[in-house]
C-alpha cells in the first residue's frame, strides 16, 4: 500500500483534531469516575454513547480529509488503490457494534 508523500489529510485541522481528542479523553475519565462512584447504569451508558458519537465525528472528519487529500489528490494511477483503502476503512467503521 503506497502512502502519500506529503503527510496526512488532516494536517489543516490538526489542532481541532487534538482538541477534540482531549475532550474525548476527558469524557472517558468522567465515565471512569462515574463507575467508581457507582452511578446509575443508564447514566453511564448515556455517557459512553456520547463518547462513541464524538469518536465517530472525528473518524468522519479523518475520512473526509483522506478522501479529499489522499484519494482525489493522489496520482491517477494510485486513486483506485486509495479509494479501495478508503472504502475498507468505512466498512470497518460501519461494522463496529
PDB file of N, CA and C in Angstrom:
ATOM      1  N   UNK A   1       0.855  -1.167   0.000  1.00  0.00           N
ATOM      2  CA  UNK A   1       0.000   0.000   0.000  1.00  0.00           C
ATOM      3  C   UNK A   1       0.902   1.232   0.000  1.00  0.00           C
ATOM      4  N   UNK A   2       0.684   2.130  -0.923  1.00  0.00           N
ATOM      5  CA  UNK A   2       1.504   3.313  -1.066  1.00  0.00           C
ATOM      6  C   UNK A   2       0.910   4.461  -0.265  1.00  0.00           C
ATOM      7  N   UNK A   3       1.720   5.089   0.544  1.00  0.00           N
ATOM      8  CA  UNK A   3       1.268   6.208   1.370  1.00  0.00           C
ATOM      9  C   UNK A   3       1.571   7.526   0.670  1.00  0.00           C
ATOM     10  N   UNK A   4       0.769   8.555   0.955  1.00  0.00           N
ATOM     11  CA  UNK A   4       1.019   9.857   0.347  1.00  0.00           C
ATOM     12  C   UNK A   4       2.333  10.446   0.839  1.00  0.00           C
ATOM     13  N   UNK A   5       3.090  11.104  -0.024  1.00  0.00           N
ATOM     14  CA  UNK A   5       4.379  11.635   0.369  1.00  0.00           C
ATOM     15  C   UNK A   5       4.290  12.905   1.215  1.00  0.00           C
ATOM     16  N   UNK A   6       3.148  13.565   1.257  1.00  0.00           N
ATOM     17  CA  UNK A   6       3.059  14.877   1.894  1.00  0.00           C
ATOM     18  C   UNK A   6       2.318  14.859   3.222  1.00  0.00           C
ATOM     19  N   UNK A   7       2.338  13.793   3.945  1.00  0.00           N
ATOM     20  CA  UNK A   7       1.703  13.789   5.260  1.00  0.00           C
ATOM     21  C   UNK A   7       0.277  13.289   5.225  1.00  0.00           C
ATOM     22  N   UNK A   8      -0.479  13.672   6.235  1.00  0.00           N
ATOM     23  CA  UNK A   8      -1.852  13.201   6.409  1.00  0.00           C
ATOM     24  C   UNK A   8      -2.849  14.186   5.839  1.00  0.00           C
ATOM     25  N   UNK A   9      -4.028  13.703   5.551  1.00  0.00           N
ATOM     26  CA  UNK A   9      -5.072  14.546   5.010  1.00  0.00           C
ATOM     27  C   UNK A   9      -5.685  15.489   6.026  1.00  0.00           C
ATOM     28  N   UNK A  10      -5.365  15.320   7.306  1.00  0.00           N
ATOM     29  CA  UNK A  10      -5.985  16.136   8.339  1.00  0.00           C
ATOM     30  C   UNK A  10      -5.054  17.214   8.875  1.00  0.00           C
ATOM     31  N   UNK A  11      -3.915  17.444   8.243  1.00  0.00           N
ATOM     32  CA  UNK A  11      -2.947  18.423   8.737  1.00  0.00           C
ATOM     33  C   UNK A  11      -3.576  19.796   8.957  1.00  0.00           C
ATOM     34  N   UNK A  12      -4.472  20.227   8.050  1.00  0.00           N
ATOM     35  CA  UNK A  12      -5.048  21.567   8.148  1.00  0.00           C
ATOM     36  C   UNK A  12      -5.878  21.736   9.412  1.00  0.00           C
ATOM     37  N   UNK A  13      -6.403  20.653   9.958  1.00  0.00           N
ATOM     38  CA  UNK A  13      -7.249  20.745  11.146  1.00  0.00           C
ATOM     39  C   UNK A  13      -6.651  19.965  12.315  1.00  0.00           C
ATOM     40  N   UNK A  14      -5.347  19.826  12.318  1.00  0.00           N
ATOM     41  CA  UNK A  14      -4.692  19.030  13.365  1.00  0.00           C
ATOM     42  C   UNK A  14      -4.990  19.580  14.760  1.00  0.00           C
ATOM     43  N   UNK A  15      -4.958  20.905  14.933  1.00  0.00           N
ATOM     44  CA  UNK A  15      -5.252  21.484  16.243  1.00  0.00           C
ATOM     45  C   UNK A  15      -6.682  21.171  16.679  1.00  0.00           C
ATOM     46  N   UNK A  16      -7.631  21.254  15.739  1.00  0.00           N
ATOM     47  CA  UNK A  16      -9.016  20.908  16.051  1.00  0.00           C
ATOM     48  C   UNK A  16      -9.116  19.441  16.445  1.00  0.00           C
ATOM     49  N   UNK A  17      -8.438  18.584  15.708  1.00  0.00           N
ATOM     50  CA  UNK A  17      -8.461  17.151  15.986  1.00  0.00           C
ATOM     51  C   UNK A  17      -7.899  16.867  17.375  1.00  0.00           C
ATOM     52  N   UNK A  18      -6.781  17.479  17.703  1.00  0.00           N
ATOM     53  CA  UNK A  18      -6.183  17.264  19.020  1.00  0.00           C
ATOM     54  C   UNK A  18      -7.080  17.808  20.130  1.00  0.00           C
ATOM     55  N   UNK A  19      -7.724  18.940  19.891  1.00  0.00           N
ATOM     56  CA  UNK A  19      -8.662  19.489  20.872  1.00  0.00           C
ATOM     57  C   UNK A  19      -9.835  18.566  21.110  1.00  0.00           C
ATOM     58  N   UNK A  20     -10.356  18.022  20.030  1.00  0.00           N
ATOM     59  CA  UNK A  20     -11.474  17.092  20.145  1.00  0.00           C
ATOM     60  C   UNK A  20     -11.075  15.837  20.909  1.00  0.00           C
ATOM     61  N   UNK A  21      -9.890  15.332  20.591  1.00  0.00           N
ATOM     62  CA  UNK A  21      -9.406  14.130  21.272  1.00  0.00           C
ATOM     63  C   UNK A  21      -9.188  14.398  22.756  1.00  0.00           C
ATOM     64  N   UNK A  22      -8.732  15.597  23.114  1.00  0.00           N
ATOM     65  CA  UNK A  22      -8.557  15.943  24.526  1.00  0.00           C
ATOM     66  C   UNK A  22      -9.911  15.958  25.244  1.00  0.00           C
ATOM     67  N   UNK A  23     -10.944  16.486  24.572  1.00  0.00           N
ATOM     68  CA  UNK A  23     -12.282  16.491  25.182  1.00  0.00           C
ATOM     69  C   UNK A  23     -12.805  15.065  25.355  1.00  0.00           C
ATOM     70  N   UNK A  24     -12.568  14.231  24.363  1.00  0.00           N
ATOM     71  CA  UNK A  24     -12.997  12.832  24.452  1.00  0.00           C
ATOM     72  C   UNK A  24     -12.274  12.139  25.609  1.00  0.00           C
ATOM     73  N   UNK A  25     -10.993  12.409  25.728  1.00  0.00           N
ATOM     74  CA  UNK A  25     -10.215  11.841  26.833  1.00  0.00           C
ATOM     75  C   UNK A  25     -10.837  12.259  28.175  1.00  0.00           C
ATOM     76  N   UNK A  26     -11.242  13.513  28.281  1.00  0.00           N
ATOM     77  CA  UNK A  26     -11.906  13.987  29.494  1.00  0.00           C
ATOM     78  C   UNK A  26     -13.227  13.290  29.737  1.00  0.00           C
ATOM     79  N   UNK A  27     -13.978  13.057  28.654  1.00  0.00           N
ATOM     80  CA  UNK A  27     -15.252  12.353  28.788  1.00  0.00           C
ATOM     81  C   UNK A  27     -15.025  10.929  29.295  1.00  0.00           C
ATOM     82  N   UNK A  28     -14.006  10.268  28.772  1.00  0.00           N
ATOM     83  CA  UNK A  28     -13.716   8.897  29.200  1.00  0.00           C
ATOM     84  C   UNK A  28     -13.321   8.887  30.673  1.00  0.00           C
ATOM     85  N   UNK A  29     -12.542   9.875  31.089  1.00  0.00           N
ATOM     86  CA  UNK A  29     -12.203   9.990  32.513  1.00  0.00           C
ATOM     87  C   UNK A  29     -13.445  10.185  33.363  1.00  0.00           C
ATOM     88  N   UNK A  30     -14.392  10.968  32.853  1.00  0.00           N
ATOM     89  CA  UNK A  30     -15.654  11.170  33.569  1.00  0.00           C
ATOM     90  C   UNK A  30     -16.434   9.881  33.712  1.00  0.00           C
ATOM     91  N   UNK A  31     -16.418   9.068  32.679  1.00  0.00           N
ATOM     92  CA  UNK A  31     -17.102   7.768  32.747  1.00  0.00           C
ATOM     93  C   UNK A  31     -16.438   6.890  33.794  1.00  0.00           C
ATOM     94  N   UNK A  32     -15.123   6.912  33.821  1.00  0.00           N
ATOM     95  CA  UNK A  32     -14.397   6.128  34.819  1.00  0.00           C
ATOM     96  C   UNK A  32     -14.802   6.558  36.234  1.00  0.00           C
ATOM     97  N   UNK A  33     -14.891   7.867  36.456  1.00  0.00           N
ATOM     98  CA  UNK A  33     -15.309   8.366  37.775  1.00  0.00           C
ATOM     99  C   UNK A  33     -16.751   7.962  38.084  1.00  0.00           C
ATOM    100  N   UNK A  34     -17.604   7.967  37.063  1.00  0.00           N
ATOM    101  CA  UNK A  34     -18.991   7.549  37.268  1.00  0.00           C
ATOM    102  C   UNK A  34     -19.055   6.105  37.750  1.00  0.00           C
ATOM    103  N   UNK A  35     -18.246   5.237  37.154  1.00  0.00           N
ATOM    104  CA  UNK A  35     -18.220   3.826  37.554  1.00  0.00           C
ATOM    105  C   UNK A  35     -17.685   3.706  38.977  1.00  0.00           C
ATOM    106  N   UNK A  36     -16.596   4.445  39.254  1.00  0.00           N
ATOM    107  CA  UNK A  36     -16.035   4.416  40.611  1.00  0.00           C
ATOM    108  C   UNK A  36     -17.063   4.863  41.646  1.00  0.00           C
ATOM    109  N   UNK A  37     -17.913   5.818  41.282  1.00  0.00           N
ATOM    110  CA  UNK A  37     -18.920   6.365  42.194  1.00  0.00           C
ATOM    111  C   UNK A  37     -20.235   5.582  42.177  1.00  0.00           C
ATOM    112  N   UNK A  38     -20.242   4.441  41.462  1.00  0.00           N
ATOM    113  CA  UNK A  38     -21.441   3.587  41.382  1.00  0.00           C
ATOM    114  C   UNK A  38     -22.658   4.351  40.871  1.00  0.00           C
ATOM    115  N   UNK A  39     -22.461   5.153  39.835  1.00  0.00           N
ATOM    116  CA  UNK A  39     -23.573   5.916  39.251  1.00  0.00           C
ATOM    117  C   UNK A  39     -24.541   4.977  38.541  1.00  0.00           C
ATOM    118  N   UNK A  40     -25.719   5.445  38.323  1.00  0.00           N
ATOM    119  CA  UNK A  40     -26.795   4.690  37.688  1.00  0.00           C
ATOM    120  C   UNK A  40     -26.341   4.210  36.303  1.00  0.00           C
ATOM    121  N   UNK A  41     -26.570   2.939  36.013  1.00  0.00           N
ATOM    122  CA  UNK A  41     -26.087   2.293  34.778  1.00  0.00           C
ATOM    123  C   UNK A  41     -26.484   3.061  33.518  1.00  0.00           C
ATOM    124  N   UNK A  42     -27.722   3.496  33.454  1.00  0.00           N
ATOM    125  CA  UNK A  42     -28.199   4.178  32.254  1.00  0.00           C
ATOM    126  C   UNK A  42     -27.446   5.495  32.048  1.00  0.00           C
ATOM    127  N   UNK A  43     -27.111   6.173  33.139  1.00  0.00           N
ATOM    128  CA  UNK A  43     -26.333   7.412  33.024  1.00  0.00           C
ATOM    129  C   UNK A  43     -24.941   7.127  32.454  1.00  0.00           C
ATOM    130  N   UNK A  44     -24.329   6.044  32.907  1.00  0.00           N
ATOM    131  CA  UNK A  44     -23.008   5.652  32.395  1.00  0.00           C
ATOM    132  C   UNK A  44     -23.118   5.299  30.913  1.00  0.00           C
ATOM    133  N   UNK A  45     -24.126   4.528  30.561  1.00  0.00           N
ATOM    134  CA  UNK A  45     -24.325   4.148  29.161  1.00  0.00           C
ATOM    135  C   UNK A  45     -24.568   5.366  28.273  1.00  0.00           C
ATOM    136  N   UNK A  46     -25.280   6.349  28.789  1.00  0.00           N
ATOM    137  CA  UNK A  46     -25.534   7.578  28.032  1.00  0.00           C
ATOM    138  C   UNK A  46     -24.217   8.287  27.739  1.00  0.00           C
ATOM    139  N   UNK A  47     -23.333   8.325  28.717  1.00  0.00           N
ATOM    140  CA  UNK A  47     -22.038   8.976  28.505  1.00  0.00           C
ATOM    141  C   UNK A  47     -21.153   8.174  27.553  1.00  0.00           C
ATOM    142  N   UNK A  48     -21.236   6.857  27.611  1.00  0.00           N
ATOM    143  CA  UNK A  48     -20.495   6.019  26.665  1.00  0.00           C
ATOM    144  C   UNK A  48     -20.976   6.302  25.247  1.00  0.00           C
ATOM    145  N   UNK A  49     -22.285   6.423  25.081  1.00  0.00           N
ATOM    146  CA  UNK A  49     -22.846   6.744  23.771  1.00  0.00           C
ATOM    147  C   UNK A  49     -22.331   8.098  23.270  1.00  0.00           C
ATOM    148  N   UNK A  50     -22.220   9.062  24.172  1.00  0.00           N
ATOM    149  CA  UNK A  50     -21.721  10.382  23.786  1.00  0.00           C
ATOM    150  C   UNK A  50     -20.266  10.307  23.319  1.00  0.00           C
ATOM    151  N   UNK A  51     -19.455   9.494  23.985  1.00  0.00           N
ATOM    152  CA  UNK A  51     -18.056   9.324  23.575  1.00  0.00           C
ATOM    153  C   UNK A  51     -17.988   8.644  22.214  1.00  0.00           C
ATOM    154  N   UNK A  52     -18.812   7.631  22.018  1.00  0.00           N
ATOM    155  CA  UNK A  52     -18.819   6.951  20.716  1.00  0.00           C
ATOM    156  C   UNK A  52     -19.220   7.903  19.603  1.00  0.00           C
ATOM    157  N   UNK A  53     -20.201   8.760  19.861  1.00  0.00           N
ATOM    158  CA  UNK A  53     -20.621   9.741  18.857  1.00  0.00           C
ATOM    159  C   UNK A  53     -19.502  10.725  18.564  1.00  0.00           C
ATOM    160  N   UNK A  54     -18.789  11.151  19.597  1.00  0.00           N
ATOM    161  CA  UNK A  54     -17.675  12.084  19.405  1.00  0.00           C
ATOM    162  C   UNK A  54     -16.560  11.429  18.601  1.00  0.00           C
ATOM    163  N   UNK A  55     -16.259  10.174  18.885  1.00  0.00           N
ATOM    164  CA  UNK A  55     -15.240   9.450  18.116  1.00  0.00           C
ATOM    165  C   UNK A  55     -15.686   9.260  16.670  1.00  0.00           C
ATOM    166  N   UNK A  56     -16.969   8.991  16.459  1.00  0.00           N
ATOM    167  CA  UNK A  56     -17.492   8.857  15.095  1.00  0.00           C
ATOM    168  C   UNK A  56     -17.304  10.162  14.319  1.00  0.00           C
ATOM    169  N   UNK A  57     -17.517  11.281  14.984  1.00  0.00           N
ATOM    170  CA  UNK A  57     -17.357  12.574  14.332  1.00  0.00           C
ATOM    171  C   UNK A  57     -15.892  12.803  13.938  1.00  0.00           C
ATOM    172  N   UNK A  58     -14.973  12.417  14.814  1.00  0.00           N
ATOM    173  CA  UNK A  58     -13.548  12.505  14.493  1.00  0.00           C
ATOM    174  C   UNK A  58     -13.234  11.606  13.295  1.00  0.00           C
ATOM    175  N   UNK A  59     -13.757  10.383  13.330  1.00  0.00           N
ATOM    176  CA  UNK A  59     -13.499   9.436  12.241  1.00  0.00           C
ATOM    177  C   UNK A  59     -14.030   9.973  10.912  1.00  0.00           C
ATOM    178  N   UNK A  60     -15.229  10.562  10.922  1.00  0.00           N
ATOM    179  CA  UNK A  60     -15.778  11.123   9.682  1.00  0.00           C
ATOM    180  C   UNK A  60     -14.924  12.262   9.151  1.00  0.00           C
ATOM    181  N   UNK A  61     -14.407  13.077  10.053  1.00  0.00           N
ATOM    182  CA  UNK A  61     -13.513  14.153   9.632  1.00  0.00           C
ATOM    183  C   UNK A  61     -12.238  13.616   9.009  1.00  0.00           C
ATOM    184  N   UNK A  62     -11.695  12.562   9.602  1.00  0.00           N
ATOM    185  CA  UNK A  62     -10.499  11.940   9.037  1.00  0.00           C
ATOM    186  C   UNK A  62     -10.786  11.312   7.674  1.00  0.00           C
ATOM    187  N   UNK A  63     -11.932  10.660   7.563  1.00  0.00           N
ATOM    188  CA  UNK A  63     -12.316  10.073   6.271  1.00  0.00           C
ATOM    189  C   UNK A  63     -12.473  11.151   5.203  1.00  0.00           C
ATOM    190  N   UNK A  64     -13.094  12.266   5.569  1.00  0.00           N
ATOM    191  CA  UNK A  64     -13.266  13.375   4.635  1.00  0.00           C
ATOM    192  C   UNK A  64     -11.913  13.903   4.178  1.00  0.00           C
ATOM    193  N   UNK A  65     -11.013  14.124   5.128  1.00  0.00           N
ATOM    194  CA  UNK A  65      -9.679  14.601   4.778  1.00  0.00           C
ATOM    195  C   UNK A  65      -8.933  13.614   3.897  1.00  0.00           C
ATOM    196  N   UNK A  66      -9.061  12.338   4.214  1.00  0.00           N
ATOM    197  CA  UNK A  66      -8.398  11.306   3.417  1.00  0.00           C
ATOM    198  C   UNK A  66      -8.949  11.279   1.996  1.00  0.00           C
ATOM    199  N   UNK A  67     -10.267  11.369   1.874  1.00  0.00           N
ATOM    200  CA  UNK A  67     -10.882  11.348   0.538  1.00  0.00           C
ATOM    201  C   UNK A  67     -10.407  12.535  -0.294  1.00  0.00           C
ATOM    202  N   UNK A  68     -10.379  13.711   0.305  1.00  0.00           N
ATOM    203  CA  UNK A  68     -10.010  14.917  -0.437  1.00  0.00           C
ATOM    204  C   UNK A  68      -8.518  15.001  -0.740  1.00  0.00           C
ATOM    205  N   UNK A  69      -7.694  14.569   0.210  1.00  0.00           N
ATOM    206  CA  UNK A  69      -6.253  14.745   0.073  1.00  0.00           C
ATOM    207  C   UNK A  69      -5.552  13.514  -0.500  1.00  0.00           C
ATOM    208  N   UNK A  70      -5.835  12.375   0.086  1.00  0.00           N
ATOM    209  CA  UNK A  70      -5.080  11.166  -0.239  1.00  0.00           C
ATOM    210  C   UNK A  70      -5.684  10.361  -1.384  1.00  0.00           C
ATOM    211  N   UNK A  71      -6.992  10.539  -1.640  1.00  0.00           N
ATOM    212  CA  UNK A  71      -7.617   9.811  -2.753  1.00  0.00           C
ATOM    213  C   UNK A  71      -7.683  10.724  -3.978  1.00  0.00           C
ATOM    214  N   UNK A  72      -8.431  11.815  -3.856  1.00  0.00           N
ATOM    215  CA  UNK A  72      -8.566  12.714  -5.005  1.00  0.00           C
ATOM    216  C   UNK A  72      -7.257  13.403  -5.354  1.00  0.00           C
ATOM    217  N   UNK A  73      -6.414  13.642  -4.348  1.00  0.00           N
ATOM    218  CA  UNK A  73      -5.140  14.304  -4.591  1.00  0.00           C
ATOM    219  C   UNK A  73      -4.022  13.371  -4.995  1.00  0.00           C
ATOM    220  N   UNK A  74      -4.317  12.092  -5.043  1.00  0.00           N
ATOM    221  CA  UNK A  74      -3.283  11.110  -5.398  1.00  0.00           C
ATOM    222  C   UNK A  74      -3.014  11.138  -6.891  1.00  0.00           C
ATOM    223  N   UNK A  75      -1.863  10.627  -7.246  1.00  0.00           N
ATOM    224  CA  UNK A  75      -1.546  10.450  -8.663  1.00  0.00           C
ATOM    225  C   UNK A  75      -2.597   9.517  -9.255  1.00  0.00           C
ATOM    226  N   UNK A  76      -2.989   9.756 -10.491  1.00  0.00           N
ATOM    227  CA  UNK A  76      -4.082   8.972 -11.092  1.00  0.00           C
ATOM    228  C   UNK A  76      -3.920   7.460 -10.967  1.00  0.00           C
ATOM    229  N   UNK A  77      -2.710   6.962 -11.084  1.00  0.00           N
ATOM    230  CA  UNK A  77      -2.514   5.511 -11.011  1.00  0.00           C
ATOM    231  C   UNK A  77      -2.700   4.960  -9.592  1.00  0.00           C
ATOM    232  N   UNK A  78      -2.746   5.823  -8.594  1.00  0.00           N
ATOM    233  CA  UNK A  78      -2.946   5.382  -7.206  1.00  0.00           C
ATOM    234  C   UNK A  78      -4.370   5.575  -6.718  1.00  0.00           C
ATOM    235  N   UNK A  79      -5.194   6.290  -7.461  1.00  0.00           N
ATOM    236  CA  UNK A  79      -6.525   6.641  -6.976  1.00  0.00           C
ATOM    237  C   UNK A  79      -7.409   5.424  -6.722  1.00  0.00           C
ATOM    238  N   UNK A  80      -7.372   4.429  -7.580  1.00  0.00           N
ATOM    239  CA  UNK A  80      -8.195   3.227  -7.363  1.00  0.00           C
ATOM    240  C   UNK A  80      -7.793   2.507  -6.078  1.00  0.00           C
ATOM    241  N   UNK A  81      -6.495   2.374  -5.865  1.00  0.00           N
ATOM    242  CA  UNK A  81      -5.993   1.719  -4.650  1.00  0.00           C
ATOM    243  C   UNK A  81      -6.412   2.506  -3.408  1.00  0.00           C
ATOM    244  N   UNK A  82      -6.283   3.821  -3.477  1.00  0.00           N
ATOM    245  CA  UNK A  82      -6.649   4.666  -2.343  1.00  0.00           C
ATOM    246  C   UNK A  82      -8.154   4.641  -2.088  1.00  0.00           C
ATOM    247  N   UNK A  83      -8.954   4.597  -3.145  1.00  0.00           N
ATOM    248  CA  UNK A  83     -10.407   4.527  -2.987  1.00  0.00           C
ATOM    249  C   UNK A  83     -10.793   3.205  -2.314  1.00  0.00           C
ATOM    250  N   UNK A  84     -10.144   2.114  -2.711  1.00  0.00           N
ATOM    251  CA  UNK A  84     -10.414   0.810  -2.096  1.00  0.00           C
ATOM    252  C   UNK A  84     -10.029   0.833  -0.617  1.00  0.00           C
ATOM    253  N   UNK A  85      -8.899   1.461  -0.306  1.00  0.00           N
ATOM    254  CA  UNK A  85      -8.458   1.579   1.079  1.00  0.00           C
ATOM    255  C   UNK A  85      -9.473   2.387   1.897  1.00  0.00           C
ATOM    256  N   UNK A  86      -9.967   3.469   1.321  1.00  0.00           N
ATOM    257  CA  UNK A  86     -10.971   4.309   1.978  1.00  0.00           C
ATOM    258  C   UNK A  86     -12.241   3.516   2.254  1.00  0.00           C
ATOM    259  N   UNK A  87     -12.705   2.781   1.268  1.00  0.00           N
ATOM    260  CA  UNK A  87     -13.940   2.025   1.444  1.00  0.00           C
ATOM    261  C   UNK A  87     -13.767   0.899   2.466  1.00  0.00           C
ATOM    262  N   UNK A  88     -12.584   0.311   2.533  1.00  0.00           N
ATOM    263  CA  UNK A  88     -12.325  -0.711   3.560  1.00  0.00           C
ATOM    264  C   UNK A  88     -12.398  -0.085   4.947  1.00  0.00           C
ATOM    265  N   UNK A  89     -11.857   1.124   5.095  1.00  0.00           N
ATOM    266  CA  UNK A  89     -11.917   1.821   6.388  1.00  0.00           C
ATOM    267  C   UNK A  89     -13.364   2.147   6.757  1.00  0.00           C
ATOM    268  N   UNK A  90     -14.142   2.591   5.792  1.00  0.00           N
ATOM    269  CA  UNK A  90     -15.564   2.878   6.035  1.00  0.00           C
ATOM    270  C   UNK A  90     -16.278   1.591   6.473  1.00  0.00           C
ATOM    271  N   UNK A  91     -15.988   0.506   5.798  1.00  0.00           N
ATOM    272  CA  UNK A  91     -16.592  -0.772   6.153  1.00  0.00           C
ATOM    273  C   UNK A  91     -16.265  -1.194   7.574  1.00  0.00           C
ATOM    274  N   UNK A  92     -15.018  -0.995   7.985  1.00  0.00           N
ATOM    275  CA  UNK A  92     -14.627  -1.345   9.371  1.00  0.00           C
ATOM    276  C   UNK A  92     -15.396  -0.474  10.364  1.00  0.00           C
ATOM    277  N   UNK A  93     -15.540   0.796  10.068  1.00  0.00           N
ATOM    278  CA  UNK A  93     -16.272   1.694  10.974  1.00  0.00           C
ATOM    279  C   UNK A  93     -17.747   1.304  11.067  1.00  0.00           C
ATOM    280  N   UNK A  94     -18.319   0.891   9.962  1.00  0.00           N
ATOM    281  CA  UNK A  94     -19.746   0.542   9.957  1.00  0.00           C
ATOM    282  C   UNK A  94     -20.013  -0.765  10.692  1.00  0.00           C
ATOM    283  N   UNK A  95     -19.066  -1.663  10.740  1.00  0.00           N
ATOM    284  CA  UNK A  95     -19.259  -2.953  11.409  1.00  0.00           C
ATOM    285  C   UNK A  95     -19.106  -2.858  12.918  1.00  0.00           C
ATOM    286  N   UNK A  96     -18.646  -1.712  13.394  1.00  0.00           N
ATOM    287  CA  UNK A  96     -18.461  -1.542  14.848  1.00  0.00           C
ATOM    288  C   UNK A  96     -19.811  -1.706  15.540  1.00  0.00           C
ATOM    289  N   UNK A  97     -19.804  -2.401  16.642  1.00  0.00           N
ATOM    290  CA  UNK A  97     -21.025  -2.533  17.422  1.00  0.00           C
ATOM    291  C   UNK A  97     -21.752  -3.769  17.096  1.00  0.00           C
TER     292      UNK A  97
END
